[in-house]
Protein backbone atom coordinates (compact mmCIF):
# COMPACT_ATOMS: atom_id res chain seq x y z
CA UNK A 1 10.57 246.28 78.21
CA UNK A 2 10.52 245.86 81.91
CA UNK A 3 7.42 246.45 84.28
CA UNK A 4 6.80 249.73 86.17
CA UNK A 5 8.32 249.76 89.62
CA UNK A 6 4.85 249.90 90.98
CA UNK A 7 3.39 247.19 89.42
CA UNK A 8 6.63 244.56 90.92
CA UNK A 9 5.31 246.13 94.41
CA UNK A 10 1.62 244.46 94.06
CA UNK A 11 1.21 241.30 95.48
CA UNK A 12 -1.21 239.66 93.37
CA UNK A 13 -3.55 237.07 95.28
CA UNK A 14 -5.09 234.11 92.97
CA UNK A 15 -8.62 232.98 93.69
CA UNK A 16 -7.41 230.06 96.70
CA UNK A 17 -8.84 226.26 95.34
CA UNK A 18 -11.70 226.08 97.68
CA UNK A 19 -11.66 222.33 97.82
CA UNK A 20 -13.95 219.73 96.91
CA UNK A 21 -12.45 219.58 93.58
CA UNK A 22 -13.99 223.08 92.54
CA UNK A 23 -12.64 224.84 89.89
CA UNK A 24 -14.69 228.20 89.69
CA UNK A 25 -16.85 230.25 92.23
CA UNK A 26 -19.19 233.28 91.89
CA UNK A 27 -17.99 236.57 93.22
CA UNK A 28 -20.97 237.54 95.28
CA UNK A 29 -19.69 240.72 97.12
CA UNK A 30 -16.56 242.51 97.88
CA UNK A 31 -16.11 243.36 101.27
CA UNK A 32 -13.40 245.86 100.74
CA UNK A 33 -13.06 248.87 98.25
CA UNK A 34 -9.74 249.94 96.33
CA UNK A 35 -7.56 252.06 98.45
CA UNK A 36 -8.97 250.10 101.80
CA UNK A 37 -6.28 248.92 104.25
CA UNK A 38 -6.32 245.25 104.95
CA UNK A 39 -4.63 242.72 107.16
CA UNK A 40 -3.93 239.31 106.87
CA UNK A 41 -6.91 236.68 107.28
CA UNK A 42 -9.32 239.89 106.54
CA UNK A 43 -12.31 238.74 104.57
CA UNK A 44 -12.27 240.63 101.44
CA UNK A 45 -14.85 239.02 99.29
CA UNK A 46 -17.97 236.81 99.43
CA UNK A 47 -17.98 234.28 97.00
CA UNK A 48 -20.46 231.25 95.94
CA UNK A 49 -19.31 227.99 95.25
CA UNK A 50 -20.79 224.51 94.58
CA UNK A 51 -21.46 224.00 98.15
CA UNK A 52 -22.20 227.45 100.07
CA UNK A 53 -21.34 230.97 100.15
CA UNK A 54 -18.03 231.66 101.96
CA UNK A 55 -15.77 234.55 102.50
CA UNK A 56 -12.44 234.47 101.15
CA UNK A 57 -9.49 236.12 103.61
CA UNK A 58 -6.37 238.08 102.17
CA UNK A 59 -3.23 236.23 102.87
CA UNK A 60 -1.22 239.73 102.53
CA UNK A 61 -1.32 242.88 104.66
CA UNK A 62 -1.04 246.15 102.86
CA UNK A 63 -3.59 248.76 100.55
CA UNK A 64 -6.12 247.36 98.00
CA UNK A 65 -4.69 247.95 94.90
CA UNK A 66 -7.15 246.28 92.61
CA UNK A 67 -10.17 244.19 92.50
CA UNK A 68 -9.77 241.93 89.92
CA UNK A 69 -13.87 241.26 88.90
CA UNK A 70 -17.18 242.30 89.47
CA UNK A 71 -20.28 240.81 91.54
CA UNK A 72 -21.88 238.40 89.65
CA UNK A 73 -18.54 237.27 87.57
CA UNK A 74 -17.84 233.52 87.75
CA UNK A 75 -13.82 233.40 88.28
CA UNK A 76 -11.47 230.77 87.56
CA UNK A 77 -9.84 229.08 90.51
CA UNK A 78 -5.95 230.18 90.01
CA UNK A 79 -7.14 233.65 88.25
CA UNK A 80 -6.03 236.96 89.45
CA UNK A 81 -8.63 238.17 92.43
CA UNK A 82 -7.13 240.72 94.64
CA UNK A 83 -4.01 242.59 94.15
CA UNK A 84 -2.31 244.27 97.16
CA UNK A 85 0.40 247.18 97.64
CA UNK A 86 2.66 245.87 101.03
CA UNK A 87 2.74 248.23 103.31
CA UNK A 88 5.95 250.56 103.04
CA UNK A 89 6.02 250.17 99.31
CA UNK A 90 5.45 253.36 96.63
CA UNK A 91 2.37 254.42 95.98
CA UNK A 92 1.59 254.77 92.10
CA UNK A 93 1.84 258.27 90.43
CA UNK A 94 -1.13 260.25 89.96
CA UNK A 95 -3.63 259.18 87.24
CA UNK A 96 -2.42 255.64 87.47
CA UNK A 97 -4.97 252.86 87.16
CA UNK A 98 -4.93 249.20 87.79
CA UNK A 99 -8.70 248.62 87.19
CA UNK A 100 -10.37 246.71 84.65
CA UNK A 101 -11.88 249.30 82.72
CA UNK A 102 -10.92 247.64 79.46
CA UNK A 103 -12.08 244.45 78.01
CA UNK A 104 -8.23 243.74 77.50
CA UNK A 105 -7.65 243.60 81.11
CA UNK A 106 -9.41 239.89 81.56
CA UNK A 107 -7.77 238.59 78.86
CA UNK A 108 -4.45 239.82 80.01
CA UNK A 109 -5.37 238.40 83.57
CA UNK A 110 -6.08 234.93 81.90
CA UNK A 111 -3.14 234.92 79.88
CA UNK A 112 -0.61 235.85 82.39
CA UNK A 113 -1.85 233.04 84.72
CA UNK A 114 -1.96 230.61 81.89
CA UNK A 115 1.53 231.44 81.35
CA UNK A 116 2.53 231.36 85.08
CA UNK A 117 0.92 227.76 85.18
CA UNK A 118 2.95 226.68 81.96
CA UNK A 119 5.96 228.00 83.63
CA UNK A 120 5.05 226.03 87.02
CA UNK A 121 5.00 229.07 88.81
CA UNK A 122 2.40 229.04 92.02
CA UNK A 123 -0.25 231.18 91.05
CA UNK A 124 -1.60 231.69 94.62
CA UNK A 125 0.90 234.53 95.61
CA UNK A 126 3.05 236.28 92.55
CA UNK A 127 3.90 239.86 91.69
CA UNK A 128 1.86 241.62 89.08
CA UNK A 129 5.27 241.56 87.40
CA UNK A 130 5.37 237.99 86.77
CA UNK A 131 7.77 237.02 89.39
CA UNK A 132 6.66 234.56 92.20
CA UNK A 133 6.63 235.96 95.81
CA UNK A 134 6.49 234.44 99.03
CA UNK A 135 3.39 234.66 100.64
CA UNK A 136 2.79 236.18 103.83
CA UNK A 137 -0.38 234.21 104.79
CA UNK A 138 -0.61 233.25 108.67
CA UNK A 139 -1.82 229.29 107.74
CA UNK A 140 -4.38 229.56 110.04
CA UNK A 141 -7.49 227.85 109.20
CA UNK A 142 -9.75 229.63 106.22
CA UNK A 143 -13.10 228.22 105.57
CA UNK A 144 -11.92 224.80 106.46
CA UNK A 145 -9.01 224.80 104.54
CA UNK A 146 -6.04 227.45 105.14
CA UNK A 147 -4.32 230.53 103.91
CA UNK A 148 -0.94 230.05 102.51
CA UNK A 149 2.21 229.74 104.51
CA UNK A 150 4.49 230.25 101.78
CA UNK A 151 4.47 229.41 97.88
CA UNK A 152 2.00 226.77 97.77
CA UNK A 153 2.02 224.78 94.62
CA UNK A 154 -1.03 225.29 92.15
CA UNK A 155 -1.86 223.42 89.12
CA UNK A 156 1.33 222.73 86.91
CA UNK A 157 -0.34 222.36 83.33
CA UNK A 158 -2.45 224.74 81.63
CA UNK A 159 -5.98 224.65 81.80
CA UNK A 160 -8.29 223.56 79.26
CA UNK A 161 -8.23 226.17 76.77
CA UNK A 162 -5.26 228.32 78.22
CA UNK A 163 -3.45 230.61 76.47
CA UNK A 164 -0.12 228.66 75.59
CA UNK A 165 3.14 230.93 75.02
CA UNK A 166 4.33 230.36 71.15
CA UNK A 167 7.75 229.62 70.68
CA UNK A 168 10.41 232.50 70.91
CA UNK A 169 8.47 234.77 72.68
CA UNK A 170 8.73 236.12 76.41
CA UNK A 171 5.95 236.34 78.84
CA UNK A 172 5.96 240.49 78.52
CA UNK A 173 5.05 239.90 74.74
CA UNK A 174 2.92 236.98 74.75
CA UNK A 175 0.77 238.83 78.00
CA UNK A 176 0.56 241.73 75.37
CA UNK A 177 -0.90 239.41 72.52
CA UNK A 178 -4.69 239.22 73.78
CA UNK A 179 -5.03 243.48 73.52
CA UNK A 180 -3.10 243.49 70.54
CA UNK A 181 -5.06 245.21 67.60
CA UNK A 182 -5.48 242.54 64.71
CA UNK A 183 -3.27 243.19 61.93
CA UNK A 184 -3.88 244.82 58.50
CA UNK A 185 -6.37 243.04 56.37
CA UNK A 186 -6.91 240.39 58.97
CA UNK A 187 -10.03 239.49 59.83
CA UNK A 188 -11.70 240.71 63.19
CA UNK A 189 -12.35 237.81 65.82
CA UNK A 190 -16.13 237.39 66.91
CA UNK A 191 -14.79 239.05 69.94
CA UNK A 192 -13.73 242.05 68.83
CA UNK A 193 -16.84 242.73 66.55
CA UNK A 194 -19.03 241.79 69.10
CA UNK A 195 -17.65 243.67 72.53
CA UNK A 196 -16.51 246.45 71.23
CA UNK A 197 -18.69 249.65 69.97
CA UNK A 198 -18.30 251.13 66.63
CA UNK A 199 -16.48 254.18 68.37
CA UNK A 200 -14.21 251.81 70.20
CA UNK A 201 -15.24 252.25 73.42
CA UNK A 202 -14.95 248.86 75.33
CA UNK A 203 -18.39 247.23 76.14
CA UNK A 204 -18.49 246.73 80.18
CA UNK A 205 -18.88 242.95 80.34
CA UNK A 206 -16.14 240.99 81.98
CA UNK A 207 -17.49 237.48 82.44
CA UNK A 208 -16.89 235.25 79.40
CA UNK A 209 -20.12 232.97 80.28
CA UNK A 210 -22.23 236.14 79.42
CA UNK A 211 -20.21 236.80 76.48
CA UNK A 212 -20.54 233.07 75.64
CA UNK A 213 -24.29 233.73 75.95
CA UNK A 214 -24.64 236.56 73.86
CA UNK A 215 -22.71 235.15 71.06
CA UNK A 216 -24.99 231.91 71.03
CA UNK A 217 -27.66 233.51 70.74
CA UNK A 218 -26.55 236.03 67.70
CA UNK A 219 -26.85 239.16 70.73
CA UNK A 220 -24.51 242.44 70.00
CA UNK A 221 -23.73 243.04 73.47
CA UNK A 222 -23.08 246.85 72.65
CA UNK A 223 -27.15 246.42 72.49
CA UNK A 224 -27.67 245.32 76.10
CA UNK A 225 -28.25 247.52 78.99
CA UNK A 226 -26.08 246.49 81.80
CA UNK A 227 -27.83 246.53 85.41
CA UNK A 228 -24.86 246.38 86.86
CA UNK A 229 -22.24 248.60 89.00
CA UNK A 230 -20.99 251.32 86.17
CA UNK A 231 -23.31 249.62 83.47
CA UNK A 232 -21.74 246.49 84.10
CA UNK A 233 -23.58 243.85 81.99
CA UNK A 234 -24.53 240.76 84.04
CA UNK A 235 -25.85 237.50 83.02
CA UNK A 236 -29.48 238.55 83.95
CA UNK A 237 -29.43 241.00 81.29
CA UNK A 238 -28.44 239.11 78.63
CA UNK A 239 -30.84 236.65 79.35
CA UNK A 240 -33.81 239.46 79.72
CA UNK A 241 -32.63 240.47 76.39
CA UNK A 242 -32.75 237.06 74.43
CA UNK A 243 -36.32 236.86 76.28
CA UNK A 244 -37.63 239.53 74.95
CA UNK A 245 -36.57 238.97 71.37
CA UNK A 246 -39.15 236.54 70.45
CA UNK A 247 -41.94 239.21 71.08
CA UNK A 248 -39.79 241.39 68.82
CA UNK A 249 -39.65 238.67 66.16
CA UNK A 250 -43.84 237.94 66.65
CA UNK A 251 -44.29 241.37 65.44
CA UNK A 252 -42.50 241.29 62.26
CA UNK A 253 -44.14 238.05 61.55
CA UNK A 254 -47.52 239.66 61.95
CA UNK A 255 -46.53 242.30 60.00
CA UNK A 256 -44.86 239.85 57.10
CA UNK A 257 -47.97 238.16 56.96
CA UNK A 258 -50.50 240.89 56.57
CA UNK A 259 -48.74 241.14 52.91
CA UNK A 260 -48.13 237.50 52.01
CA UNK A 261 -45.92 237.02 48.96
CA UNK A 262 -46.93 236.47 45.48
CA UNK A 263 -48.07 232.88 44.80
CA UNK A 264 -48.36 231.85 48.45
CA UNK A 265 -51.11 233.31 50.12
CA UNK A 266 -51.54 232.92 53.58
CA UNK A 267 -48.10 232.17 54.76
CA UNK A 268 -46.50 233.39 57.63
CA UNK A 269 -43.33 234.14 57.59
CA UNK A 270 -41.40 232.11 60.66
CA UNK A 271 -40.06 234.62 63.62
CA UNK A 272 -36.44 234.42 62.30
CA UNK A 273 -34.59 235.11 65.74
CA UNK A 274 -36.60 232.88 68.04
CA UNK A 275 -35.08 229.65 69.71
CA UNK A 276 -37.43 226.90 69.02
CA UNK A 277 -37.28 223.51 70.91
CA UNK A 278 -36.66 220.88 69.09
CA UNK A 279 -38.80 218.45 71.37
CA UNK A 280 -42.22 220.28 71.63
CA UNK A 281 -41.53 223.01 69.16
CA UNK A 282 -42.33 225.72 71.82
CA UNK A 283 -40.38 228.75 72.12
CA UNK A 284 -37.61 228.63 74.51
CA UNK A 285 -37.42 230.99 76.94
CA UNK A 286 -33.89 230.78 78.85
CA UNK A 287 -31.36 228.30 79.11
CA UNK A 288 -29.54 228.31 82.76
CA UNK A 289 -26.59 226.30 82.97
CA UNK A 290 -26.64 224.28 85.96
CA UNK A 291 -23.69 225.62 88.18
CA UNK A 292 -23.39 225.92 91.91
CA UNK A 293 -25.69 223.58 94.50
CA UNK A 294 -27.86 222.64 91.75
CA UNK A 295 -24.97 221.35 89.81
CA UNK A 296 -23.74 219.59 92.51
CA UNK A 297 -27.10 217.81 93.45
CA UNK A 298 -27.74 216.85 90.16
CA UNK A 299 -24.23 215.04 89.97
CA UNK A 300 -24.31 213.54 93.25
CA UNK A 301 -28.10 212.36 92.57
CA UNK A 302 -27.33 210.89 89.00
CA UNK A 303 -24.32 209.14 90.18
CA UNK A 304 -26.31 207.73 93.39
CA UNK A 305 -28.79 206.29 90.79
CA UNK A 306 -26.16 205.05 88.43
CA UNK A 307 -23.87 203.21 90.63
CA UNK A 308 -25.73 202.32 94.26
CA UNK A 309 -28.19 199.23 93.56
CA UNK A 310 -30.96 200.54 95.90
CA UNK A 311 -33.70 198.87 97.33
CA UNK A 312 -36.62 200.10 99.88
CA UNK A 313 -38.37 199.34 102.82
CA UNK A 314 -41.13 200.82 104.78
CA UNK A 315 -43.38 201.04 107.94
CA UNK A 316 -46.17 202.84 109.66
CA UNK A 317 -45.43 203.86 113.06
CA UNK A 318 -47.72 205.07 116.04
CA UNK A 319 -45.99 208.08 117.28
CA UNK A 320 -48.49 209.10 120.08
CA UNK A 321 -46.48 208.00 122.97
CA UNK A 322 -43.46 209.88 121.87
CA UNK A 323 -45.58 212.89 121.04
CA UNK A 324 -47.26 212.75 124.12
CA UNK A 325 -43.43 212.47 125.94
CA UNK A 326 -42.55 215.52 124.70
CA UNK A 327 -45.47 217.34 125.52
CA UNK A 328 -45.43 216.47 128.92
CA UNK A 329 -41.37 217.98 128.82
CA UNK A 330 -42.90 221.18 127.63
CA UNK A 331 -45.18 221.25 130.69
CA UNK A 332 -42.52 220.73 133.29
CA UNK A 333 -40.13 222.77 132.16
CA UNK A 334 -39.58 226.30 130.52
CA UNK A 335 -36.06 225.03 129.15
CA UNK A 336 -36.26 224.69 125.21
CA UNK A 337 -37.23 220.52 124.87
CA UNK A 338 -35.94 219.14 121.90
CA UNK A 339 -38.19 218.56 118.68
CA UNK A 340 -39.35 215.35 117.50
CA UNK A 341 -36.44 215.37 114.80
CA UNK A 342 -33.92 215.05 117.29
CA UNK A 343 -35.63 212.15 119.25
CA UNK A 344 -35.61 210.33 115.95
CA UNK A 345 -32.08 211.06 115.09
CA UNK A 346 -31.42 209.78 118.74
CA UNK A 347 -32.95 206.63 117.96
CA UNK A 348 -31.33 206.22 114.53
CA UNK A 349 -27.45 206.23 115.89
CA UNK A 350 -28.65 203.67 118.53
CA UNK A 351 -29.79 201.74 115.72
CA UNK A 352 -26.34 202.27 113.76
CA UNK A 353 -24.61 200.88 116.44
CA UNK A 354 -26.85 198.18 116.66
CA UNK A 355 -26.80 197.48 112.48
CA UNK A 356 -23.12 199.02 111.66
CA UNK A 357 -23.86 198.19 108.04
CA UNK A 358 -25.84 201.05 107.11
CA UNK A 359 -23.61 203.41 108.36
CA UNK A 360 -20.36 202.03 106.00
CA UNK A 361 -20.07 202.80 102.41
CA UNK A 362 -18.62 201.07 99.48
CA UNK A 363 -15.10 202.38 97.79
CA UNK A 364 -14.40 201.15 94.31
CA UNK A 365 -10.21 200.93 93.52
CA UNK A 366 -8.58 201.90 90.50
CA UNK A 367 -8.73 198.09 88.94
CA UNK A 368 -12.35 198.08 89.85
CA UNK A 369 -12.12 196.59 92.97
CA UNK A 370 -14.47 197.54 95.75
CA UNK A 371 -13.98 197.64 99.76
CA UNK A 372 -16.44 198.19 102.46
CA UNK A 373 -15.45 200.73 104.49
CA UNK A 374 -16.63 201.13 107.93
CA UNK A 375 -16.03 204.13 110.38
CA UNK A 376 -15.73 204.70 114.16
CA UNK A 377 -18.76 207.06 114.95
CA UNK A 378 -21.83 208.65 113.17
CA UNK A 379 -21.77 211.87 111.23
CA UNK A 380 -25.66 212.30 110.94
CA UNK A 381 -26.44 214.23 107.71
CA UNK A 382 -29.91 216.16 108.35
CA UNK A 383 -31.62 216.78 104.90
CA UNK A 384 -32.46 220.86 104.55
CA UNK A 385 -34.46 222.34 101.90
CA UNK A 386 -32.85 226.49 101.46
CA UNK A 387 -33.30 228.62 98.81
CA UNK A 388 -30.25 227.45 97.21
CA UNK A 389 -31.34 223.96 96.57
CA UNK A 390 -31.36 220.62 99.21
CA UNK A 391 -28.28 220.63 101.20
CA UNK A 392 -27.52 218.06 103.69
CA UNK A 393 -25.05 219.66 106.79
CA UNK A 394 -24.27 216.89 108.98
CA UNK A 395 -23.96 216.67 112.95
CA UNK A 396 -20.47 215.37 113.75
CA UNK A 397 -20.30 212.70 116.25
CA UNK A 398 -23.81 212.13 116.32
CA UNK A 399 -23.52 209.04 118.41
CA UNK A 400 -21.86 210.82 121.28
CA UNK A 401 -24.82 213.39 121.68
CA UNK A 402 -27.65 213.32 123.85
CA UNK A 403 -31.30 214.60 122.50
CA UNK A 404 -31.12 217.92 123.89
CA UNK A 405 -27.41 218.50 122.19
CA UNK A 406 -28.50 216.90 118.70
CA UNK A 407 -31.65 219.18 118.98
CA UNK A 408 -29.20 222.16 119.73
CA UNK A 409 -26.98 221.26 116.46
CA UNK A 410 -29.55 220.58 114.00
CA UNK A 411 -30.88 223.93 114.72
CA UNK A 412 -27.37 225.71 114.22
CA UNK A 413 -26.50 223.92 111.39
CA UNK A 414 -30.01 224.28 109.54
CA UNK A 415 -29.54 228.02 110.41
CA UNK A 416 -26.32 227.93 108.34
CA UNK A 417 -27.35 225.88 105.65
CA UNK A 418 -30.18 228.65 105.09
CA UNK A 419 -27.87 231.48 105.14
CA UNK A 420 -25.49 229.43 102.95
CA UNK A 421 -23.01 229.67 105.41
CA UNK A 422 -22.42 225.96 105.73
CA UNK A 423 -18.81 225.14 105.02
CA UNK A 424 -18.07 222.55 102.02
CA UNK A 425 -16.92 220.42 105.34
CA UNK A 426 -20.21 220.33 106.77
CA UNK A 427 -21.98 219.57 103.60
CA UNK A 428 -19.95 216.46 103.01
CA UNK A 429 -18.72 214.59 105.80
CA UNK A 430 -21.86 212.68 106.54
CA UNK A 431 -22.23 208.78 106.93
CA UNK A 432 -26.00 208.26 107.38
CA UNK A 433 -28.91 210.92 106.26
CA UNK A 434 -32.12 211.44 107.89
CA UNK A 435 -34.81 213.62 105.78
CA UNK A 436 -37.80 214.88 107.04
CA UNK A 437 -40.02 215.40 104.26
CA UNK A 438 -43.26 215.69 106.25
CA UNK A 439 -42.79 219.13 106.61
CA UNK A 440 -43.81 219.48 102.90
CA UNK A 441 -46.95 217.69 103.98
CA UNK A 442 -46.47 214.50 102.44
CA UNK A 443 -46.55 210.74 103.95
CA UNK A 444 -43.79 209.16 102.11
CA UNK A 445 -41.06 209.48 99.53
CA UNK A 446 -38.91 206.86 97.69
CA UNK A 447 -35.67 209.05 98.86
CA UNK A 448 -32.27 208.86 96.57
CA UNK A 449 -29.36 207.41 99.06
CA UNK A 450 -26.99 210.58 99.24
CA UNK A 451 -23.86 209.17 97.76
CA UNK A 452 -21.47 207.87 98.82
CA UNK A 453 -23.52 206.86 101.97
CA UNK A 454 -25.32 203.43 102.26
CA UNK A 455 -28.63 204.44 103.19
CA UNK A 456 -31.27 207.33 103.46
CA UNK A 457 -34.12 207.37 106.47
CA UNK A 458 -37.13 209.78 105.57
CA UNK A 459 -39.74 210.60 107.47
CA UNK A 460 -43.44 211.84 106.64
CA UNK A 461 -45.54 214.29 108.48
CA UNK A 462 -47.44 212.97 111.70
CA UNK A 463 -51.51 212.97 110.93
CA UNK A 464 -54.47 211.25 112.98
CA UNK A 465 -55.50 207.82 111.93
CA UNK A 466 -57.38 205.05 112.68
CA UNK A 467 -55.28 202.52 114.56
CA UNK A 468 -56.37 199.39 116.57
CA UNK A 469 -54.61 199.73 119.97
CA UNK A 470 -55.53 196.27 122.22
CA UNK A 471 -58.29 195.09 119.57
CA UNK A 472 -59.96 198.38 119.62
CA UNK A 473 -60.18 201.04 117.00
CA UNK A 474 -58.57 204.43 118.13
CA UNK A 475 -56.98 207.21 116.70
CA UNK A 476 -53.67 207.85 116.87
CA UNK A 477 -50.62 210.01 115.67
CA UNK A 478 -49.00 208.08 112.83
CA UNK A 479 -45.75 208.52 110.77
CA UNK A 480 -44.34 206.77 107.65
CA UNK A 481 -40.66 205.71 107.51
CA UNK A 482 -39.19 204.97 104.64
CA UNK A 483 -35.51 203.59 104.45
CA UNK A 484 -33.60 203.44 101.11
CA UNK A 485 -30.38 201.16 101.57
CA UNK A 486 -27.86 200.14 99.32
CA UNK A 487 -28.07 196.15 98.60
CA UNK A 488 -24.36 195.57 98.19
CA UNK A 489 -23.55 196.46 101.68
CA UNK A 490 -26.78 194.35 103.37
CA UNK A 491 -29.81 192.06 102.95
CA UNK A 492 -33.16 193.10 103.50
CA UNK A 493 -32.82 191.26 107.02
CA UNK A 494 -30.50 194.05 108.20
CA UNK A 495 -32.36 196.51 106.73
CA UNK A 496 -35.57 195.42 107.98
CA UNK A 497 -34.24 194.90 111.52
CA UNK A 498 -32.92 198.62 111.71
CA UNK A 499 -36.23 200.37 110.58
CA UNK A 500 -38.15 198.25 112.95
CA UNK A 501 -35.51 199.31 115.80
CA UNK A 502 -36.24 202.69 114.94
CA UNK A 503 -39.88 202.48 114.71
CA UNK A 504 -40.17 200.52 118.16
CA UNK A 505 -38.29 203.24 119.76
CA UNK A 506 -41.00 205.78 118.64
CA UNK A 507 -43.76 203.75 119.90
CA UNK A 508 -42.24 203.32 122.82
CA UNK A 509 -39.68 205.97 123.84
CA UNK A 510 -39.79 205.55 127.53
CA UNK A 511 -38.10 202.16 127.71
CA UNK A 512 -36.10 203.34 124.58
CA UNK A 513 -34.38 206.30 126.37
CA UNK A 514 -34.09 204.24 129.56
CA UNK A 515 -31.50 202.06 127.84
CA UNK A 516 -29.60 204.95 126.22
């Protein structure tokens, strides 16, 4: 049976590839509701990727028909994201619903997406009836990428674990298969026994990750109280239920130990459902999958340690003159005065012009051959600690900026990073990283190089320390600079020369700034 006309009129916008090889994103919030009118390139949702929180605009104009997902749900790239009824199309009959009220809806949508990919049909713009349609996207830049200006080729091979259409079936019958009841006499699948209540009502849980977490811990979803919209069960609800179970098990254990079995006096029953850590023997409170920024950080740091033979050099620096220079500037003008980090950034880019090896990187080809890649200019990464983890937005062409311009750009990027608004391009285009870990009150750190860069310079806190000046002991403002570098791109002489250049500039900023 063909799909109803109202379904064929709907344009399905699949979650686009947000770049950086990402395959999924967590839906943070919807910016529209079903029934709202949307225009091309109008932001419709906020999603959190491995890099940042970004807005996703609609490539279509019309009326929102279906929101395929709920806040907190993790969606695969290429999965149905938003269905739009084009302007002028026939409205659905009264009582018609296209929402995800049933547990079968995610399975149907996933199967439909897999079938479209298996057939080579682009997933970025399709009718809900299964036929491809030409996108009316503007092609304008979107989160550093772009809305489609026509049919854009999605992945043509099925995703791992995607449904494969059996021979002799049509897309309509294959898509309907996940929602069909098991044949008489066949055992019910785990999903059907754990996700549907005895009365047949579907549990409000649409996230496959949440379902998997519940199954792994033997938890029945119908026993979990959802805290999401309309009782939607979120990951935190399942984790809370899992964390509460050891307490109940301890009570049961105490009750059992009060009347030990005959022949084994004093034996206490082991908690039946509490997961124990195999290494320590302690109860496991929770297991949180690494994803988003934390997973990106873990992968980048592991790869850096695995592939880069790094070495470290450091030096103590008397920055009294630099601190006094900045204080004098503040007294002479009411304008904003660059911070100490901005002056250091200016000295760094000057040092990289003299020692360009530290602004290069090594690339490995398919056959294992390696090349040293040098670029024209410096994109200076500034490490920033945020609530989502450590991120490194980069100041593009920092080598063309003054200290005052660097200060303004560093503040702007730091604000975007803290708000989670920095784009993937902002966070992955650096050529050298500067890290001010002195804000944490520490003097030094053996920093890990921000892969695939070749070096990172760290600066500790500025403190009063005894220092010898012209043969006399004095109290001076002192900090520590630490440079970790890839020993494949240069030797210690180059690294030491660069570090000494930056240190000398900080100790005598007037002379250095006169030459910049």
